[in-house]
Amino acid sequence: MNPAEFIPRYEQALASQDWKIVAPLIHSNRSVTFSTGQIHRGRAAVEEGFHSIFDLIKDEGCAMSNLHRVLK
């Protein structure tokens, strides 16, 4: 899947606030930094972080903006 295909799928998955929908899009080596500045490294930590965020934003929508792609 290329970035143009991934990003809308990821945004829809996040909007669902359902880890079972988000999980297939998360690589096992993934690191995620939330707006709190907290960094979650690895799938288990990322899952824990998403559950915390989903609990905080239950009644809110989800949108992505100002995206930057990092290449190695």
N, C-alpha and C. Protein backbone atom coordinates (compact mmCIF):
# COMPACT_ATOMS: atom_id res chain seq x y z
N MET A 1 0.85 -1.16 0.00
CA MET A 1 0.00 0.00 0.00
C MET A 1 0.90 1.24 0.00
N ASN A 2 0.63 2.17 -0.90
CA ASN A 2 1.44 3.39 -0.96
C ASN A 2 0.85 4.45 -0.02
N PRO A 3 1.59 5.53 0.26
CA PRO A 3 1.10 6.56 1.18
C PRO A 3 -0.26 7.16 0.78
N ALA A 4 -0.48 7.34 -0.49
CA ALA A 4 -1.76 7.92 -0.94
C ALA A 4 -2.93 7.00 -0.61
N GLU A 5 -2.70 5.71 -0.57
CA GLU A 5 -3.74 4.75 -0.20
C GLU A 5 -3.83 4.60 1.31
N PHE A 6 -2.67 4.63 1.97
CA PHE A 6 -2.62 4.39 3.42
C PHE A 6 -3.28 5.51 4.23
N ILE A 7 -2.95 6.74 3.92
CA ILE A 7 -3.38 7.86 4.76
C ILE A 7 -4.90 7.94 4.92
N PRO A 8 -5.71 7.88 3.85
CA PRO A 8 -7.16 7.91 4.06
C PRO A 8 -7.67 6.70 4.85
N ARG A 9 -7.06 5.53 4.63
CA ARG A 9 -7.46 4.34 5.39
C ARG A 9 -7.15 4.50 6.88
N TYR A 10 -5.98 5.05 7.15
CA TYR A 10 -5.56 5.28 8.54
C TYR A 10 -6.46 6.30 9.21
N GLU A 11 -6.78 7.36 8.51
CA GLU A 11 -7.67 8.39 9.06
C GLU A 11 -9.05 7.80 9.38
N GLN A 12 -9.58 6.99 8.49
CA GLN A 12 -10.88 6.34 8.74
C GLN A 12 -10.79 5.38 9.93
N ALA A 13 -9.70 4.65 10.02
CA ALA A 13 -9.52 3.72 11.13
C ALA A 13 -9.48 4.48 12.46
N LEU A 14 -8.73 5.58 12.49
CA LEU A 14 -8.66 6.38 13.72
C LEU A 14 -10.03 6.95 14.08
N ALA A 15 -10.77 7.39 13.09
CA ALA A 15 -12.10 7.96 13.33
C ALA A 15 -13.05 6.93 13.94
N SER A 16 -12.80 5.65 13.67
CA SER A 16 -13.64 4.59 14.24
C SER A 16 -13.44 4.46 15.75
N GLN A 17 -12.27 4.89 16.23
CA GLN A 17 -11.88 4.75 17.63
C GLN A 17 -11.98 3.30 18.10
N ASP A 18 -11.67 2.39 17.19
CA ASP A 18 -11.71 0.95 17.47
C ASP A 18 -10.34 0.37 17.15
N TRP A 19 -9.63 -0.08 18.19
CA TRP A 19 -8.29 -0.59 18.01
C TRP A 19 -8.25 -1.75 17.02
N LYS A 20 -9.29 -2.57 16.97
CA LYS A 20 -9.31 -3.72 16.05
C LYS A 20 -9.25 -3.26 14.59
N ILE A 21 -9.72 -2.06 14.31
CA ILE A 21 -9.67 -1.51 12.95
C ILE A 21 -8.32 -0.82 12.70
N VAL A 22 -7.78 -0.21 13.73
CA VAL A 22 -6.49 0.49 13.62
C VAL A 22 -5.32 -0.49 13.59
N ALA A 23 -5.37 -1.53 14.39
CA ALA A 23 -4.25 -2.45 14.58
C ALA A 23 -3.63 -3.00 13.29
N PRO A 24 -4.42 -3.42 12.30
CA PRO A 24 -3.79 -3.96 11.09
C PRO A 24 -2.93 -2.94 10.33
N LEU A 25 -3.11 -1.67 10.64
CA LEU A 25 -2.35 -0.62 9.96
C LEU A 25 -1.10 -0.19 10.74
N ILE A 26 -0.88 -0.82 11.89
CA ILE A 26 0.25 -0.45 12.75
C ILE A 26 1.34 -1.51 12.65
N HIS A 27 2.51 -1.11 12.19
CA HIS A 27 3.66 -2.01 12.09
C HIS A 27 4.15 -2.35 13.50
N SER A 28 4.71 -3.52 13.68
CA SER A 28 5.17 -3.95 15.00
C SER A 28 6.27 -3.06 15.57
N ASN A 29 7.02 -2.38 14.71
CA ASN A 29 8.11 -1.49 15.14
C ASN A 29 7.69 -0.03 15.19
N ARG A 30 6.44 0.24 15.11
CA ARG A 30 5.93 1.60 14.99
C ARG A 30 6.15 2.42 16.25
N SER A 31 6.42 3.70 16.08
CA SER A 31 6.45 4.68 17.18
C SER A 31 5.43 5.75 16.86
N VAL A 32 4.68 6.15 17.87
CA VAL A 32 3.66 7.18 17.70
C VAL A 32 3.85 8.23 18.78
N THR A 33 3.82 9.49 18.39
CA THR A 33 3.87 10.60 19.33
C THR A 33 2.53 11.31 19.28
N PHE A 34 1.88 11.39 20.42
CA PHE A 34 0.59 12.07 20.50
C PHE A 34 0.81 13.54 20.84
N SER A 35 -0.24 14.32 20.75
CA SER A 35 -0.13 15.76 20.99
C SER A 35 0.33 16.09 22.41
N THR A 36 0.25 15.14 23.32
CA THR A 36 0.75 15.34 24.68
C THR A 36 2.27 15.34 24.72
N GLY A 37 2.90 14.89 23.61
CA GLY A 37 4.35 14.78 23.55
C GLY A 37 4.84 13.41 23.97
N GLN A 38 3.95 12.59 24.48
CA GLN A 38 4.31 11.25 24.92
C GLN A 38 4.57 10.35 23.71
N ILE A 39 5.69 9.63 23.74
CA ILE A 39 6.07 8.75 22.64
C ILE A 39 5.78 7.31 23.04
N HIS A 40 5.13 6.59 22.14
CA HIS A 40 4.80 5.18 22.36
C HIS A 40 5.56 4.38 21.31
N ARG A 41 6.42 3.46 21.76
CA ARG A 41 7.26 2.68 20.85
C ARG A 41 6.86 1.21 20.89
N GLY A 42 6.65 0.63 19.72
CA GLY A 42 6.25 -0.77 19.61
C GLY A 42 4.75 -0.91 19.66
N ARG A 43 4.27 -1.99 19.07
CA ARG A 43 2.83 -2.18 18.91
C ARG A 43 2.06 -2.18 20.24
N ALA A 44 2.57 -2.85 21.28
CA ALA A 44 1.87 -2.91 22.56
C ALA A 44 1.74 -1.52 23.18
N ALA A 45 2.82 -0.75 23.15
CA ALA A 45 2.78 0.61 23.71
C ALA A 45 1.88 1.51 22.88
N VAL A 46 1.90 1.34 21.57
CA VAL A 46 1.04 2.14 20.69
C VAL A 46 -0.42 1.80 20.98
N GLU A 47 -0.72 0.51 21.14
CA GLU A 47 -2.10 0.12 21.47
C GLU A 47 -2.55 0.76 22.77
N GLU A 48 -1.71 0.71 23.79
CA GLU A 48 -2.04 1.32 25.08
C GLU A 48 -2.30 2.82 24.93
N GLY A 49 -1.45 3.48 24.15
CA GLY A 49 -1.62 4.91 23.91
C GLY A 49 -2.92 5.23 23.20
N PHE A 50 -3.25 4.44 22.19
CA PHE A 50 -4.50 4.66 21.47
C PHE A 50 -5.71 4.45 22.36
N HIS A 51 -5.67 3.41 23.20
CA HIS A 51 -6.80 3.19 24.11
C HIS A 51 -6.98 4.39 25.03
N SER A 52 -5.89 4.93 25.53
CA SER A 52 -5.97 6.12 26.41
C SER A 52 -6.56 7.31 25.67
N ILE A 53 -6.08 7.53 24.44
CA ILE A 53 -6.58 8.66 23.65
C ILE A 53 -8.05 8.45 23.28
N PHE A 54 -8.41 7.24 22.86
CA PHE A 54 -9.80 6.97 22.49
C PHE A 54 -10.72 7.21 23.68
N ASP A 55 -10.27 6.85 24.88
CA ASP A 55 -11.09 7.10 26.08
C ASP A 55 -11.29 8.60 26.31
N LEU A 56 -10.27 9.40 26.00
CA LEU A 56 -10.35 10.85 26.21
C LEU A 56 -11.22 11.56 25.17
N ILE A 57 -11.27 11.02 23.96
CA ILE A 57 -11.95 11.72 22.86
C ILE A 57 -13.20 10.99 22.38
N LYS A 58 -13.86 10.26 23.26
CA LYS A 58 -15.02 9.44 22.88
C LYS A 58 -16.01 10.16 21.99
N ASP A 59 -16.32 11.38 22.33
CA ASP A 59 -17.38 12.11 21.63
C ASP A 59 -16.84 13.11 20.61
N GLU A 60 -15.59 12.96 20.22
CA GLU A 60 -14.99 13.89 19.28
C GLU A 60 -14.71 13.20 17.94
N GLY A 61 -14.57 14.00 16.92
CA GLY A 61 -14.21 13.48 15.61
C GLY A 61 -12.70 13.36 15.49
N CYS A 62 -12.27 12.89 14.35
CA CYS A 62 -10.85 12.71 14.10
C CYS A 62 -10.52 13.23 12.71
N ALA A 63 -9.47 14.00 12.61
CA ALA A 63 -9.00 14.49 11.31
C ALA A 63 -7.49 14.61 11.37
N MET A 64 -6.87 14.42 10.23
CA MET A 64 -5.42 14.55 10.15
C MET A 64 -5.10 15.75 9.28
N SER A 65 -4.06 16.49 9.66
CA SER A 65 -3.66 17.64 8.86
C SER A 65 -2.16 17.86 9.04
N ASN A 66 -1.61 18.66 8.14
CA ASN A 66 -0.20 19.04 8.22
C ASN A 66 0.70 17.81 8.37
N LEU A 67 0.49 16.83 7.51
CA LEU A 67 1.23 15.58 7.57
C LEU A 67 2.63 15.74 6.97
N HIS A 68 3.58 15.05 7.58
CA HIS A 68 4.95 15.02 7.10
C HIS A 68 5.40 13.58 7.01
N ARG A 69 5.94 13.21 5.90
CA ARG A 69 6.42 11.85 5.71
C ARG A 69 7.93 11.85 5.91
N VAL A 70 8.41 10.96 6.77
CA VAL A 70 9.83 10.85 7.07
C VAL A 70 10.38 9.64 6.31
N LEU A 71 11.39 9.89 5.53
CA LEU A 71 12.02 8.81 4.76
C LEU A 71 13.38 8.48 5.34
N LYS A 72 13.70 7.21 5.38
CA LYS A 72 15.02 6.78 5.85
C LYS A 72 15.84 6.35 4.68
